[in-house]
N, C-alpha and C. Protein backbone atom coordinates (compact mmCIF):
# COMPACT_ATOMS: atom_id res chain seq x y z
N UNK A 1 11.08 -6.68 4.25
CA UNK A 1 9.65 -6.52 4.35
C UNK A 1 9.06 -6.50 2.94
N UNK A 2 7.88 -7.10 2.84
CA UNK A 2 7.11 -7.07 1.61
C UNK A 2 5.71 -6.59 1.93
N UNK A 3 5.05 -5.99 0.95
CA UNK A 3 3.68 -5.52 1.12
C UNK A 3 2.82 -6.08 0.00
N UNK A 4 1.58 -6.35 0.33
CA UNK A 4 0.62 -6.85 -0.64
C UNK A 4 -0.72 -6.19 -0.38
N UNK A 5 -1.39 -5.77 -1.43
CA UNK A 5 -2.72 -5.15 -1.32
C UNK A 5 -3.75 -6.14 -1.83
N UNK A 6 -4.73 -6.46 -0.99
CA UNK A 6 -5.80 -7.37 -1.38
C UNK A 6 -6.74 -6.61 -2.32
N UNK A 7 -6.81 -7.01 -3.58
CA UNK A 7 -7.64 -6.28 -4.54
C UNK A 7 -9.13 -6.37 -4.24
N UNK A 8 -9.55 -7.39 -3.49
CA UNK A 8 -10.95 -7.51 -3.13
C UNK A 8 -11.35 -6.58 -1.99
N UNK A 9 -10.38 -6.18 -1.18
CA UNK A 9 -10.66 -5.29 -0.06
C UNK A 9 -10.42 -3.81 -0.39
N UNK A 10 -9.44 -3.55 -1.24
CA UNK A 10 -9.07 -2.16 -1.55
C UNK A 10 -10.25 -1.44 -2.20
N UNK A 11 -10.55 -0.25 -1.67
CA UNK A 11 -11.64 0.56 -2.19
C UNK A 11 -11.14 1.85 -2.84
N UNK A 12 -9.83 2.01 -2.94
CA UNK A 12 -9.26 3.16 -3.63
C UNK A 12 -9.30 4.45 -2.83
N UNK A 13 -9.14 4.35 -1.51
CA UNK A 13 -9.13 5.56 -0.66
C UNK A 13 -7.87 6.40 -0.88
N UNK A 14 -6.82 5.81 -1.40
CA UNK A 14 -5.52 6.42 -1.76
C UNK A 14 -4.65 6.80 -0.56
N UNK A 15 -5.05 6.45 0.66
CA UNK A 15 -4.26 6.82 1.83
C UNK A 15 -2.88 6.17 1.82
N UNK A 16 -2.80 4.95 1.33
CA UNK A 16 -1.50 4.26 1.30
C UNK A 16 -0.51 4.99 0.41
N UNK A 17 -0.97 5.44 -0.74
CA UNK A 17 -0.10 6.14 -1.68
C UNK A 17 0.31 7.51 -1.14
N UNK A 18 -0.53 8.11 -0.31
CA UNK A 18 -0.15 9.38 0.32
C UNK A 18 0.93 9.17 1.37
N UNK A 19 0.88 8.02 2.06
CA UNK A 19 1.85 7.73 3.13
C UNK A 19 3.18 7.19 2.57
N UNK A 20 3.08 6.37 1.53
CA UNK A 20 4.28 5.73 0.96
C UNK A 20 4.19 5.73 -0.57
N UNK A 21 4.35 6.90 -1.18
CA UNK A 21 4.18 7.00 -2.63
C UNK A 21 5.20 6.21 -3.44
N UNK A 22 6.35 5.92 -2.87
CA UNK A 22 7.36 5.15 -3.59
C UNK A 22 7.02 3.67 -3.64
N UNK A 23 6.07 3.24 -2.81
CA UNK A 23 5.75 1.82 -2.69
C UNK A 23 4.39 1.47 -3.31
N UNK A 24 3.41 2.35 -3.15
CA UNK A 24 2.06 2.05 -3.61
C UNK A 24 1.72 2.84 -4.86
N UNK A 25 1.23 2.13 -5.87
CA UNK A 25 0.83 2.74 -7.13
C UNK A 25 -0.69 2.62 -7.25
N UNK A 26 -1.31 3.68 -7.73
CA UNK A 26 -2.75 3.70 -7.87
C UNK A 26 -3.16 3.50 -9.32
N UNK A 27 -4.20 2.74 -9.53
CA UNK A 27 -4.73 2.49 -10.87
C UNK A 27 -5.37 3.77 -11.40
N UNK A 28 -5.09 4.08 -12.65
CA UNK A 28 -5.72 5.23 -13.31
C UNK A 28 -7.21 4.97 -13.56
N UNK A 29 -7.59 3.73 -13.55
CA UNK A 29 -8.98 3.36 -13.84
C UNK A 29 -9.89 3.52 -12.63
N UNK A 30 -9.50 2.91 -11.51
CA UNK A 30 -10.39 2.92 -10.35
C UNK A 30 -9.74 3.39 -9.05
N UNK A 31 -8.46 3.76 -9.10
CA UNK A 31 -7.78 4.25 -7.90
C UNK A 31 -7.32 3.17 -6.94
N UNK A 32 -7.56 1.91 -7.27
CA UNK A 32 -7.13 0.83 -6.40
C UNK A 32 -5.60 0.73 -6.41
N UNK A 33 -5.06 0.33 -5.27
CA UNK A 33 -3.61 0.32 -5.10
C UNK A 33 -3.00 -1.05 -5.37
N UNK A 34 -1.75 -1.02 -5.78
CA UNK A 34 -0.89 -2.19 -5.82
C UNK A 34 0.42 -1.78 -5.18
N UNK A 35 1.11 -2.76 -4.62
CA UNK A 35 2.38 -2.48 -3.94
C UNK A 35 3.55 -2.93 -4.81
N UNK A 36 4.65 -2.24 -4.64
CA UNK A 36 5.89 -2.61 -5.30
C UNK A 36 6.21 -4.06 -4.94
N UNK A 37 6.56 -4.86 -5.91
CA UNK A 37 6.84 -6.27 -5.68
C UNK A 37 8.23 -6.46 -5.08
N UNK A 38 8.38 -7.51 -4.32
CA UNK A 38 9.68 -7.87 -3.77
C UNK A 38 9.97 -7.19 -2.44
N UNK A 39 11.23 -7.33 -2.02
CA UNK A 39 11.65 -6.75 -0.74
C UNK A 39 11.69 -5.23 -0.85
N UNK A 40 11.07 -4.58 0.12
CA UNK A 40 11.01 -3.12 0.12
C UNK A 40 12.25 -2.54 0.78
N UNK A 41 12.70 -1.38 0.33
CA UNK A 41 13.87 -0.75 0.93
C UNK A 41 13.62 -0.44 2.41
N UNK A 42 14.64 -0.66 3.23
CA UNK A 42 14.52 -0.41 4.67
C UNK A 42 14.11 1.03 4.96
N UNK A 43 14.51 1.94 4.11
CA UNK A 43 14.17 3.35 4.31
C UNK A 43 12.67 3.62 4.19
N UNK A 44 11.92 2.68 3.60
CA UNK A 44 10.48 2.85 3.41
C UNK A 44 9.64 2.08 4.43
N UNK A 45 10.27 1.29 5.30
CA UNK A 45 9.52 0.43 6.21
C UNK A 45 8.56 1.21 7.11
N UNK A 46 9.01 2.31 7.70
CA UNK A 46 8.13 3.09 8.58
C UNK A 46 6.93 3.64 7.82
N UNK A 47 7.17 4.14 6.62
CA UNK A 47 6.08 4.69 5.81
C UNK A 47 5.09 3.60 5.40
N UNK A 48 5.59 2.42 5.09
CA UNK A 48 4.73 1.31 4.69
C UNK A 48 3.88 0.84 5.87
N UNK A 49 4.48 0.78 7.06
CA UNK A 49 3.71 0.41 8.25
C UNK A 49 2.61 1.44 8.51
N UNK A 50 2.95 2.71 8.36
CA UNK A 50 1.96 3.77 8.54
C UNK A 50 0.84 3.65 7.50
N UNK A 51 1.22 3.35 6.27
CA UNK A 51 0.23 3.18 5.21
C UNK A 51 -0.71 2.02 5.53
N UNK A 52 -0.16 0.91 5.97
CA UNK A 52 -0.98 -0.26 6.31
C UNK A 52 -1.94 0.07 7.45
N UNK A 53 -1.45 0.80 8.43
CA UNK A 53 -2.28 1.17 9.57
C UNK A 53 -3.37 2.17 9.22
N UNK A 54 -3.15 2.96 8.17
CA UNK A 54 -4.12 3.98 7.79
C UNK A 54 -5.18 3.47 6.84
N UNK A 55 -5.03 2.25 6.34
CA UNK A 55 -6.00 1.72 5.37
C UNK A 55 -7.32 1.39 6.07
N UNK A 56 -8.40 2.10 5.70
CA UNK A 56 -9.69 1.86 6.35
C UNK A 56 -10.25 0.46 6.10
N UNK A 57 -9.83 -0.16 5.01
CA UNK A 57 -10.33 -1.48 4.65
C UNK A 57 -9.42 -2.60 5.14
N UNK A 58 -8.28 -2.23 5.74
CA UNK A 58 -7.27 -3.21 6.18
C UNK A 58 -6.90 -4.15 5.04
N UNK A 59 -6.65 -3.54 3.88
CA UNK A 59 -6.37 -4.31 2.67
C UNK A 59 -4.89 -4.60 2.48
N UNK A 60 -4.02 -4.02 3.32
CA UNK A 60 -2.58 -4.18 3.14
C UNK A 60 -2.03 -5.19 4.13
N UNK A 61 -1.31 -6.17 3.59
CA UNK A 61 -0.65 -7.19 4.40
C UNK A 61 0.85 -6.97 4.30
N UNK A 62 1.52 -7.01 5.44
CA UNK A 62 2.98 -6.88 5.48
C UNK A 62 3.59 -8.20 5.95
N UNK A 63 4.72 -8.54 5.37
CA UNK A 63 5.44 -9.74 5.81
C UNK A 63 6.92 -9.49 5.80
């Protein structure tokens, strides 16, 4: 699984980082999120799905 955060949709609510802190990093400037690049560890898949589902802007894409 891979995750990607659309920078145009992300509004910096920080919910993704609360759900999956090992995967989502928040900008010190505006709080917008970026996701760890590449294949995510299987142990984080449930947390990443929860993070994607909790995003009010639906800015997270999973593949």
